[in-house]
C-alpha atoms as a PDB file:
ATOM      1  CA  MET A   1     100.603 112.602 124.124  1.00  0.00           C
ATOM      2  CA  LYS A   2     102.990 111.729 121.306  1.00  0.00           C
ATOM      3  CA  THR A   3     102.683 113.607 118.034  1.00  0.00           C
ATOM      4  CA  LEU A   4     102.772 110.997 115.309  1.00  0.00           C
ATOM      5  CA  LYS A   5     104.366 111.468 111.920  1.00  0.00           C
ATOM      6  CA  ILE A   6     102.869 109.897 108.798  1.00  0.00           C
ATOM      7  CA  ALA A   7     104.695 109.945 105.452  1.00  0.00           C
ATOM      8  CA  ILE A   8     102.746 110.085 102.202  1.00  0.00           C
ATOM      9  CA  GLN A   9     103.678 110.655  98.578  1.00  0.00           C
ATOM     10  CA  LYS A  10     104.340 114.311  97.755  1.00  0.00           C
ATOM     11  CA  SER A  11     103.237 113.927  94.138  1.00  0.00           C
ATOM     12  CA  GLY A  12     102.196 111.047  91.951  1.00  0.00           C
ATOM     13  CA  ARG A  13      99.378 108.565  91.668  1.00  0.00           C
ATOM     14  CA  LEU A  14      98.952 107.941  95.421  1.00  0.00           C
ATOM     15  CA  ASN A  15      99.091 111.543  96.645  1.00  0.00           C
ATOM     16  CA  GLU A  16      95.515 112.635  95.984  1.00  0.00           C
ATOM     17  CA  LYS A  17      93.910 109.495  97.424  1.00  0.00           C
ATOM     18  CA  SER A  18      96.194 109.564 100.480  1.00  0.00           C
ATOM     19  CA  VAL A  19      95.197 113.149 101.239  1.00  0.00           C
ATOM     20  CA  GLU A  20      91.542 112.272 100.623  1.00  0.00           C
ATOM     21  CA  ILE A  21      91.469 109.379 103.070  1.00  0.00           C
ATOM     22  CA  LEU A  22      93.167 111.427 105.786  1.00  0.00           C
ATOM     23  CA  LYS A  23      90.692 114.277 105.342  1.00  0.00           C
ATOM     24  CA  ASN A  24      87.792 111.784 105.364  1.00  0.00           C
ATOM     25  CA  CYS A  25      89.093 110.639 108.749  1.00  0.00           C
ATOM     26  CA  GLY A  26      88.238 114.121 110.051  1.00  0.00           C
ATOM     27  CA  LEU A  27      91.824 115.412 110.026  1.00  0.00           C
ATOM     28  CA  SER A  28      92.158 119.134 109.387  1.00  0.00           C
ATOM     29  CA  PHE A  29      95.304 120.346 107.611  1.00  0.00           C
ATOM     30  CA  GLU A  30      96.126 122.981 104.998  1.00  0.00           C
ATOM     31  CA  ASN A  31      98.855 124.092 102.576  1.00  0.00           C
ATOM     32  CA  TYR A  32     100.085 120.578 101.958  1.00  0.00           C
ATOM     33  CA  LYS A  33     100.963 121.347  98.322  1.00  0.00           C
ATOM     34  CA  SER A  34     103.423 124.078  99.234  1.00  0.00           C
ATOM     35  CA  SER A  35     105.220 122.431 102.157  1.00  0.00           C
ATOM     36  CA  LEU A  36     107.076 119.236 103.002  1.00  0.00           C
ATOM     37  CA  ILE A  37     105.334 119.069 106.388  1.00  0.00           C
ATOM     38  CA  ALA A  38     101.723 119.793 107.363  1.00  0.00           C
ATOM     39  CA  THR A  39     100.470 119.880 110.942  1.00  0.00           C
ATOM     40  CA  VAL A  40      97.037 118.457 111.662  1.00  0.00           C
ATOM     41  CA  ALA A  41      95.044 120.949 113.746  1.00  0.00           C
ATOM     42  CA  ASN A  42      92.695 118.492 115.486  1.00  0.00           C
ATOM     43  CA  PHE A  43      94.808 115.369 115.986  1.00  0.00           C
ATOM     44  CA  PRO A  44      98.376 114.787 117.249  1.00  0.00           C
ATOM     45  CA  LEU A  45      99.774 114.154 113.775  1.00  0.00           C
ATOM     46  CA  GLU A  46     102.232 115.684 111.330  1.00  0.00           C
ATOM     47  CA  ILE A  47     102.159 114.736 107.652  1.00  0.00           C
ATOM     48  CA  LEU A  48     105.452 114.406 105.787  1.00  0.00           C
ATOM     49  CA  PHE A  49     105.343 114.689 101.988  1.00  0.00           C
ATOM     50  CA  LEU A  50     108.101 112.552 100.491  1.00  0.00           C
ATOM     51  CA  ARG A  51     109.170 110.620  97.409  1.00  0.00           C
ATOM     52  CA  ASP A  52     107.417 107.272  97.543  1.00  0.00           C
ATOM     53  CA  ASP A  53     110.742 105.409  97.311  1.00  0.00           C
ATOM     54  CA  ASP A  54     111.852 107.052 100.576  1.00  0.00           C
ATOM     55  CA  ILE A  55     108.737 106.253 102.615  1.00  0.00           C
ATOM     56  CA  PRO A  56     109.458 102.615 103.608  1.00  0.00           C
ATOM     57  CA  GLU A  57     112.939 103.470 104.879  1.00  0.00           C
ATOM     58  CA  TYR A  58     111.692 106.530 106.796  1.00  0.00           C
ATOM     59  CA  VAL A  59     109.119 104.346 108.549  1.00  0.00           C
ATOM     60  CA  GLN A  60     111.585 101.508 109.156  1.00  0.00           C
ATOM     61  CA  ASP A  61     114.089 103.916 110.735  1.00  0.00           C
ATOM     62  CA  GLY A  62     111.468 105.674 112.878  1.00  0.00           C
ATOM     63  CA  ILE A  63     111.789 109.061 111.183  1.00  0.00           C
ATOM     64  CA  ALA A  64     108.092 108.605 110.382  1.00  0.00           C
ATOM     65  CA  ASP A  65     105.834 106.468 112.568  1.00  0.00           C
ATOM     66  CA  LEU A  66     103.423 105.621 109.762  1.00  0.00           C
ATOM     67  CA  GLY A  67     103.361 105.719 105.990  1.00  0.00           C
ATOM     68  CA  ILE A  68     101.067 105.262 103.021  1.00  0.00           C
ATOM     69  CA  VAL A  69     102.833 103.641 100.096  1.00  0.00           C
ATOM     70  CA  GLY A  70     102.445 100.946  97.453  1.00  0.00           C
ATOM     71  CA  GLU A  71     103.215  97.355  98.421  1.00  0.00           C
ATOM     72  CA  ASN A  72     105.626  97.102  95.495  1.00  0.00           C
ATOM     73  CA  VAL A  73     107.728  99.957  96.879  1.00  0.00           C
ATOM     74  CA  ILE A  74     107.953  98.263 100.291  1.00  0.00           C
ATOM     75  CA  VAL A  75     109.008  94.932  98.816  1.00  0.00           C
ATOM     76  CA  GLU A  76     111.546  96.575  96.507  1.00  0.00           C
ATOM     77  CA  ALA A  77     113.063  98.474  99.462  1.00  0.00           C
ATOM     78  CA  LYS A  78     113.170  95.295 101.581  1.00  0.00           C
ATOM     79  CA  ALA A  79     111.942  97.445 104.456  1.00  0.00           C
ATOM     80  CA  GLU A  80     111.174  95.931 107.851  1.00  0.00           C
ATOM     81  CA  VAL A  81     107.809  97.520 108.637  1.00  0.00           C
ATOM     82  CA  ASN A  82     104.400  96.359 109.813  1.00  0.00           C
ATOM     83  CA  TYR A  83     101.503  96.212 107.358  1.00  0.00           C
ATOM     84  CA  LEU A  84      98.560  97.790 109.209  1.00  0.00           C
ATOM     85  CA  GLN A  85      95.834  98.149 106.576  1.00  0.00           C
ATOM     86  CA  LYS A  86      95.324  97.738 102.848  1.00  0.00           C
ATOM     87  CA  LEU A  87      93.680 100.921 101.570  1.00  0.00           C
ATOM     88  CA  GLY A  88      91.913  99.842  98.380  1.00  0.00           C
ATOM     89  CA  PHE A  89      93.450 102.398  96.005  1.00  0.00           C
ATOM     90  CA  GLY A  90      96.555 102.603  93.860  1.00  0.00           C
ATOM     91  CA  LYS A  91      95.927  99.087  92.585  1.00  0.00           C
ATOM     92  CA  CYS A  92      98.232  97.822  89.875  1.00  0.00           C
ATOM     93  CA  THR A  93     100.057  94.728  88.701  1.00  0.00           C
ATOM     94  CA  LEU A  94     103.745  94.347  88.067  1.00  0.00           C
ATOM     95  CA  LYS A  95     104.182  92.421  84.833  1.00  0.00           C
ATOM     96  CA  ILE A  96     106.832  91.208  82.485  1.00  0.00           C
ATOM     97  CA  ALA A  97     106.065  92.437  78.973  1.00  0.00           C
ATOM     98  CA  VAL A  98     107.603  91.654  75.594  1.00  0.00           C
ATOM     99  CA  GLN A  99     107.314  93.200  72.145  1.00  0.00           C
ATOM    100  CA  ALA A 100     104.109  92.288  70.349  1.00  0.00           C
ATOM    101  CA  THR A 101     106.237  90.732  67.599  1.00  0.00           C
ATOM    102  CA  SER A 102     108.407  88.730  70.013  1.00  0.00           C
ATOM    103  CA  LYS A 103     108.792  84.983  69.536  1.00  0.00           C
ATOM    104  CA  ILE A 104     109.061  84.452  73.300  1.00  0.00           C
ATOM    105  CA  GLN A 105     106.123  82.224  74.258  1.00  0.00           C
ATOM    106  CA  ASN A 106     106.873  80.991  77.796  1.00  0.00           C
ATOM    107  CA  LEU A 107     108.931  81.856  80.861  1.00  0.00           C
ATOM    108  CA  GLU A 108     111.676  79.344  80.059  1.00  0.00           C
ATOM    109  CA  GLU A 109     112.427  81.258  76.884  1.00  0.00           C
ATOM    110  CA  LEU A 110     113.522  84.219  79.005  1.00  0.00           C
ATOM    111  CA  ASN A 111     116.680  82.275  79.896  1.00  0.00           C
ATOM    112  CA  GLY A 112     119.651  84.175  78.533  1.00  0.00           C
ATOM    113  CA  LYS A 113     117.525  87.220  77.709  1.00  0.00           C
ATOM    114  CA  ALA A 114     117.774  90.740  79.133  1.00  0.00           C
ATOM    115  CA  ILE A 115     114.942  92.393  81.071  1.00  0.00           C
ATOM    116  CA  ALA A 116     114.844  96.141  81.760  1.00  0.00           C
ATOM    117  CA  THR A 117     113.212  97.289  84.989  1.00  0.00           C
ATOM    118  CA  SER A 118     113.074  99.829  87.805  1.00  0.00           C
ATOM    119  CA  TYR A 119     112.257  96.996  90.241  1.00  0.00           C
ATOM    120  CA  PRO A 120     115.299  94.692  90.190  1.00  0.00           C
ATOM    121  CA  VAL A 121     114.716  93.237  93.679  1.00  0.00           C
ATOM    122  CA  ILE A 122     111.187  92.011  92.935  1.00  0.00           C
ATOM    123  CA  LEU A 123     112.186  90.757  89.504  1.00  0.00           C
ATOM    124  CA  GLU A 124     115.268  88.912  90.764  1.00  0.00           C
ATOM    125  CA  LYS A 125     113.201  87.129  93.422  1.00  0.00           C
ATOM    126  CA  PHE A 126     110.591  86.084  90.851  1.00  0.00           C
ATOM    127  CA  LEU A 127     113.156  84.809  88.350  1.00  0.00           C
ATOM    128  CA  LYS A 128     114.971  82.858  91.047  1.00  0.00           C
ATOM    129  CA  GLU A 129     111.719  81.217  92.160  1.00  0.00           C
ATOM    130  CA  LYS A 130     110.993  80.217  88.558  1.00  0.00           C
ATOM    131  CA  GLY A 131     114.529  79.024  87.869  1.00  0.00           C
ATOM    132  CA  ILE A 132     115.056  81.598  85.115  1.00  0.00           C
ATOM    133  CA  ASP A 133     118.565  82.903  84.395  1.00  0.00           C
ATOM    134  CA  ALA A 134     118.049  86.285  82.741  1.00  0.00           C
ATOM    135  CA  ALA A 135     120.098  89.480  82.805  1.00  0.00           C
ATOM    136  CA  ILE A 136     118.437  92.283  84.783  1.00  0.00           C
ATOM    137  CA  ARG A 137     119.139  95.755  83.476  1.00  0.00           C
ATOM    138  CA  THR A 138     118.168  98.386  86.016  1.00  0.00           C
ATOM    139  CA  ILE A 139     117.083 101.746  84.597  1.00  0.00           C
ATOM    140  CA  SER A 140     115.142 104.646  86.066  1.00  0.00           C
ATOM    141  CA  GLY A 141     111.835 105.390  84.352  1.00  0.00           C
ATOM    142  CA  SER A 142     110.627 104.795  80.804  1.00  0.00           C
ATOM    143  CA  VAL A 143     111.566 101.118  80.873  1.00  0.00           C
ATOM    144  CA  GLU A 144     109.027 100.493  78.102  1.00  0.00           C
ATOM    145  CA  ILE A 145     111.455 101.896  75.521  1.00  0.00           C
ATOM    146  CA  GLY A 146     114.089  99.246  76.380  1.00  0.00           C
ATOM    147  CA  PRO A 147     113.146  96.628  73.749  1.00  0.00           C
ATOM    148  CA  GLY A 148     112.715  99.247  71.021  1.00  0.00           C
ATOM    149  CA  LEU A 149     116.233 100.560  71.657  1.00  0.00           C
ATOM    150  CA  GLY A 150     117.722  97.093  71.727  1.00  0.00           C
ATOM    151  CA  LEU A 151     118.560  97.499  75.421  1.00  0.00           C
ATOM    152  CA  SER A 152     116.503  94.483  76.466  1.00  0.00           C
ATOM    153  CA  ASP A 153     114.352  91.656  75.187  1.00  0.00           C
ATOM    154  CA  ALA A 154     111.587  92.333  77.724  1.00  0.00           C
ATOM    155  CA  ILE A 155     110.612  94.755  80.466  1.00  0.00           C
ATOM    156  CA  PHE A 156     109.271  94.432  83.987  1.00  0.00           C
ATOM    157  CA  ASP A 157     107.146  97.328  85.206  1.00  0.00           C
ATOM    158  CA  ILE A 158     103.912  98.523  86.817  1.00  0.00           C
ATOM    159  CA  VAL A 159     100.872  98.079  84.595  1.00  0.00           C
ATOM    160  CA  SER A 160      97.552  99.749  85.421  1.00  0.00           C
ATOM    161  CA  THR A 161      95.547  99.935  82.191  1.00  0.00           C
ATOM    162  CA  GLY A 162      98.046  98.543  79.690  1.00  0.00           C
ATOM    163  CA  ALA A 163      97.740 101.621  77.467  1.00  0.00           C
ATOM    164  CA  THR A 164     101.428 102.550  77.837  1.00  0.00           C
ATOM    165  CA  LEU A 165     102.512  99.048  76.873  1.00  0.00           C
ATOM    166  CA  LYS A 166     100.301  99.051  73.804  1.00  0.00           C
ATOM    167  CA  SER A 167     101.491 102.463  72.671  1.00  0.00           C
ATOM    168  CA  ASN A 168     105.071 101.174  72.772  1.00  0.00           C
ATOM    169  CA  GLY A 169     104.336  97.987  70.864  1.00  0.00           C
ATOM    170  CA  LEU A 170     104.476  95.770  73.959  1.00  0.00           C
ATOM    171  CA  MET A 171     102.152  93.126  75.322  1.00  0.00           C
ATOM    172  CA  PRO A 172     101.819  91.697  78.858  1.00  0.00           C
ATOM    173  CA  PHE A 173     103.602  88.371  79.176  1.00  0.00           C
ATOM    174  CA  ALA A 174     103.584  87.304  82.840  1.00  0.00           C
ATOM    175  CA  ASP A 175     102.001  88.661  86.050  1.00  0.00           C
ATOM    176  CA  VAL A 176     104.514  88.857  88.879  1.00  0.00           C
ATOM    177  CA  MET A 177     102.916  90.828  91.722  1.00  0.00           C
ATOM    178  CA  SER A 178      99.689  92.657  92.553  1.00  0.00           C
ATOM    179  CA  SER A 179     100.020  95.840  94.568  1.00  0.00           C
ATOM    180  CA  GLU A 180      97.909  98.503  96.226  1.00  0.00           C
ATOM    181  CA  ALA A 181      98.434 101.299  98.717  1.00  0.00           C
ATOM    182  CA  VAL A 182      98.884 100.171 102.316  1.00  0.00           C
ATOM    183  CA  LEU A 183      99.242 101.847 105.678  1.00  0.00           C
ATOM    184  CA  ILE A 184     102.514 100.770 107.274  1.00  0.00           C
ATOM    185  CA  GLY A 185     103.922 101.383 110.722  1.00  0.00           C
ATOM    186  CA  ASN A 186     107.226 101.354 112.546  1.00  0.00           C
ATOM    187  CA  LYS A 187     107.428  98.335 114.819  1.00  0.00           C
ATOM    188  CA  SER A 188     108.025 100.482 117.929  1.00  0.00           C
ATOM    189  CA  ILE A 189     104.690 102.349 117.881  1.00  0.00           C
ATOM    190  CA  LEU A 190     102.113  99.607 117.373  1.00  0.00           C
ATOM    191  CA  ASP A 191     100.769  99.869 120.953  1.00  0.00           C
ATOM    192  CA  ASN A 192     100.384 103.640 120.703  1.00  0.00           C
ATOM    193  CA  PRO A 193      96.752 104.688 121.451  1.00  0.00           C
ATOM    194  CA  GLU A 194      96.873 107.452 118.820  1.00  0.00           C
ATOM    195  CA  VAL A 195      97.840 104.868 116.202  1.00  0.00           C
ATOM    196  CA  ALA A 196      94.895 102.714 117.271  1.00  0.00           C
ATOM    197  CA  GLU A 197      92.568 105.722 117.010  1.00  0.00           C
ATOM    198  CA  LEU A 198      93.799 106.694 113.550  1.00  0.00           C
ATOM    199  CA  LEU A 199      93.567 103.095 112.365  1.00  0.00           C
ATOM    200  CA  GLN A 200      89.969 102.888 113.596  1.00  0.00           C
ATOM    201  CA  ARG A 201      89.101 106.055 111.685  1.00  0.00           C
ATOM    202  CA  ILE A 202      90.705 104.767 108.488  1.00  0.00           C
ATOM    203  CA  ARG A 203      88.898 101.433 108.756  1.00  0.00           C
ATOM    204  CA  SER A 204      85.559 103.168 109.334  1.00  0.00           C
ATOM    205  CA  VAL A 205      86.065 105.235 106.172  1.00  0.00           C
ATOM    206  CA  LEU A 206      87.061 102.177 104.137  1.00  0.00           C
ATOM    207  CA  SER A 207      84.086 100.198 105.428  1.00  0.00           C
ATOM    208  CA  ALA A 208      81.719 103.031 104.497  1.00  0.00           C
ATOM    209  CA  LYS A 209      83.149 103.235 100.973  1.00  0.00           C
ATOM    210  CA  SER A 210      82.517  99.557 100.347  1.00  0.00           C
ATOM    211  CA  ASN A 211      78.874  99.654 101.486  1.00  0.00           C
ATOM    212  CA  LYS A 212      75.597 101.420 100.626  1.00  0.00           C
ATOM    213  CA  TYR A 213      72.730 102.382 102.941  1.00  0.00           C
ATOM    214  CA  VAL A 214      69.403 101.090 101.639  1.00  0.00           C
ATOM    215  CA  VAL A 215      65.809 101.906 102.644  1.00  0.00           C
ATOM    216  CA  LEU A 216      62.932 100.040 101.057  1.00  0.00           C
ATOM    217  CA  ASN A 217      59.218  99.403 101.516  1.00  0.00           C
ATOM    218  CA  VAL A 218      57.723  95.927 101.617  1.00  0.00           C
ATOM    219  CA  SER A 219      54.495  94.292 102.687  1.00  0.00           C
ATOM    220  CA  LYS A 220      54.619  92.146 105.813  1.00  0.00           C
ATOM    221  CA  ASP A 221      53.672  89.177 103.654  1.00  0.00           C
ATOM    222  CA  ASN A 222      57.049  89.444 101.900  1.00  0.00           C
ATOM    223  CA  LEU A 223      59.071  90.771 104.853  1.00  0.00           C
ATOM    224  CA  GLN A 224      60.843  87.544 105.742  1.00  0.00           C
ATOM    225  CA  LYS A 225      61.999  86.984 102.160  1.00  0.00           C
ATOM    226  CA  VAL A 226      63.451  90.536 102.092  1.00  0.00           C
ATOM    227  CA  VAL A 227      65.068  90.259 105.539  1.00  0.00           C
ATOM    228  CA  ASP A 228      66.757  87.029 104.491  1.00  0.00           C
ATOM    229  CA  LEU A 229      68.496  89.005 101.747  1.00  0.00           C
ATOM    230  CA  LEU A 230      69.558  91.871 104.035  1.00  0.00           C
ATOM    231  CA  PRO A 231      71.792  90.975 106.977  1.00  0.00           C
ATOM    232  CA  GLY A 232      72.732  94.630 107.543  1.00  0.00           C
ATOM    233  CA  VAL A 233      75.592  95.547 109.883  1.00  0.00           C
ATOM    234  CA  LYS A 234      74.048  93.254 112.520  1.00  0.00           C
ATOM    235  CA  SER A 235      70.465  92.885 111.296  1.00  0.00           C
ATOM    236  CA  PRO A 236      68.051  95.058 109.286  1.00  0.00           C
ATOM    237  CA  THR A 237      65.953  97.717 111.006  1.00  0.00           C
ATOM    238  CA  VAL A 238      62.204  97.301 110.390  1.00  0.00           C
ATOM    239  CA  VAL A 239      59.877 100.289 110.926  1.00  0.00           C
ATOM    240  CA  PRO A 240      56.041 100.190 110.574  1.00  0.00           C
ATOM    241  CA  LEU A 241      54.521 102.449 107.911  1.00  0.00           C
ATOM    242  CA  PHE A 242      51.249 104.378 108.125  1.00  0.00           C
ATOM    243  CA  GLU A 243      49.735 102.103 105.522  1.00  0.00           C
ATOM    244  CA  PRO A 244      48.557  98.878 107.206  1.00  0.00           C
ATOM    245  CA  ASN A 245      50.572  95.708 106.594  1.00  0.00           C
ATOM    246  CA  TRP A 246      53.561  97.643 105.207  1.00  0.00           C
ATOM    247  CA  VAL A 247      56.983  98.340 106.739  1.00  0.00           C
ATOM    248  CA  ALA A 248      60.163 100.207 105.846  1.00  0.00           C
ATOM    249  CA  VAL A 249      63.370  98.205 106.029  1.00  0.00           C
ATOM    250  CA  HIS A 250      66.729  99.925 106.634  1.00  0.00           C
ATOM    251  CA  SER A 251      69.955  98.048 105.959  1.00  0.00           C
ATOM    252  CA  VAL A 252      73.441  98.044 104.453  1.00  0.00           C
ATOM    253  CA  ILE A 253      74.498  96.332 101.217  1.00  0.00           C
ATOM    254  CA  ALA A 254      78.075  95.626 100.186  1.00  0.00           C
ATOM    255  CA  GLU A 255      79.028  97.564  97.065  1.00  0.00           C
ATOM    256  CA  ALA A 256      80.360  94.411  95.413  1.00  0.00           C
ATOM    257  CA  ASP A 257      76.959  92.679  95.738  1.00  0.00           C
ATOM    258  CA  PHE A 258      74.846  95.756  95.136  1.00  0.00           C
ATOM    259  CA  TRP A 259      73.127  95.113  91.801  1.00  0.00           C
ATOM    260  CA  ASP A 260      72.569  91.410  92.417  1.00  0.00           C
ATOM    261  CA  LYS A 261      71.003  92.230  95.799  1.00  0.00           C
ATOM    262  CA  ILE A 262      68.799  94.993  94.385  1.00  0.00           C
ATOM    263  CA  ASN A 263      67.417  92.698  91.692  1.00  0.00           C
ATOM    264  CA  SER A 264      66.803  89.968  94.268  1.00  0.00           C
ATOM    265  CA  LEU A 265      65.038  92.430  96.587  1.00  0.00           C
ATOM    266  CA  LYS A 266      62.724  93.592  93.802  1.00  0.00           C
ATOM    267  CA  ALA A 267      61.909  90.001  92.963  1.00  0.00           C
ATOM    268  CA  ALA A 268      61.115  89.398  96.651  1.00  0.00           C
ATOM    269  CA  GLY A 269      58.569  92.263  96.716  1.00  0.00           C
ATOM    270  CA  ALA A 270      60.604  95.318  97.730  1.00  0.00           C
ATOM    271  CA  GLU A 271      59.373  98.689  96.435  1.00  0.00           C
ATOM    272  CA  GLY A 272      60.512 102.314  96.614  1.00  0.00           C
ATOM    273  CA  ILE A 273      64.155 101.381  97.133  1.00  0.00           C
ATOM    274  CA  LEU A 274      66.336 104.325  98.207  1.00  0.00           C
ATOM    275  CA  VAL A 275      70.127 104.003  98.052  1.00  0.00           C
ATOM    276  CA  MET A 276      72.448 106.414  99.882  1.00  0.00           C
ATOM    277  CA  PRO A 277      76.213 106.674 100.406  1.00  0.00           C
ATOM    278  CA  ILE A 278      77.608 106.115 103.902  1.00  0.00           C
ATOM    279  CA  GLU A 279      80.146 108.510 105.369  1.00  0.00           C
ATOM    280  CA  LYS A 280      81.579 106.204 108.050  1.00  0.00           C
ATOM    281  CA  ILE A 281      80.870 102.843 109.682  1.00  0.00           C
ATOM    282  CA  ILE A 282      82.205 102.461 113.221  1.00  0.00           C
ATOM    283  CA  THR A 283      81.973  98.967 114.664  1.00  0.00           C
END
């Protein structure tokens, strides 16, 4: 049995959620904050804690079999890896931003301008696709100060809330790429049974997070209307209650549709609605 290696961010915005999802998969490991490598006690897996910029290349070269990293980092590294699963966290958008007082109104007006960024590969590709001839000035970190120092006319960077842009007198100008954390794999290990097992565990955790378990009471007169609103994983479970003509219905509701569904269920005659989190869904 091969011991797999998975690379995750040692520190930064993806570290905590990466550790969380691995632990929610039932993996037992300790002391990850004080070591570059942690061994999982109950699964053939070692966890490597690396700089996020290094993860795509480690996976591409087979030093790590798997990795959790932002899509933007993979694209910027031009790494040849397989995308196995989007993970639903670390979401952000890479945007071009200009000073709030800038007279630049459209993309064409970036011709001949300078743009500061830590992501020159992604930016160059975007500008080429749009037919824009702008100077790319690559700097490490704090790109938002570029326009204020006269280094550039605009910046290109990750934007999550926009608070950093605003505090530096900048405003979003153009969306270039959306990104989130993804599980990637080296192309040589995709048929590995341990990879398939870990991927199943991760998908079961993600599925559980995006759904709620619901139990409700309804009279048999209104049962069909309620069942029509609740497909469940396959179909709702209906259990007779002690009170005549009443049943309990057990089902699953997608988090995204939750409040609309609850209001519809109440309108259809559902009562005593209980909502519970789900730990895992294995299909």
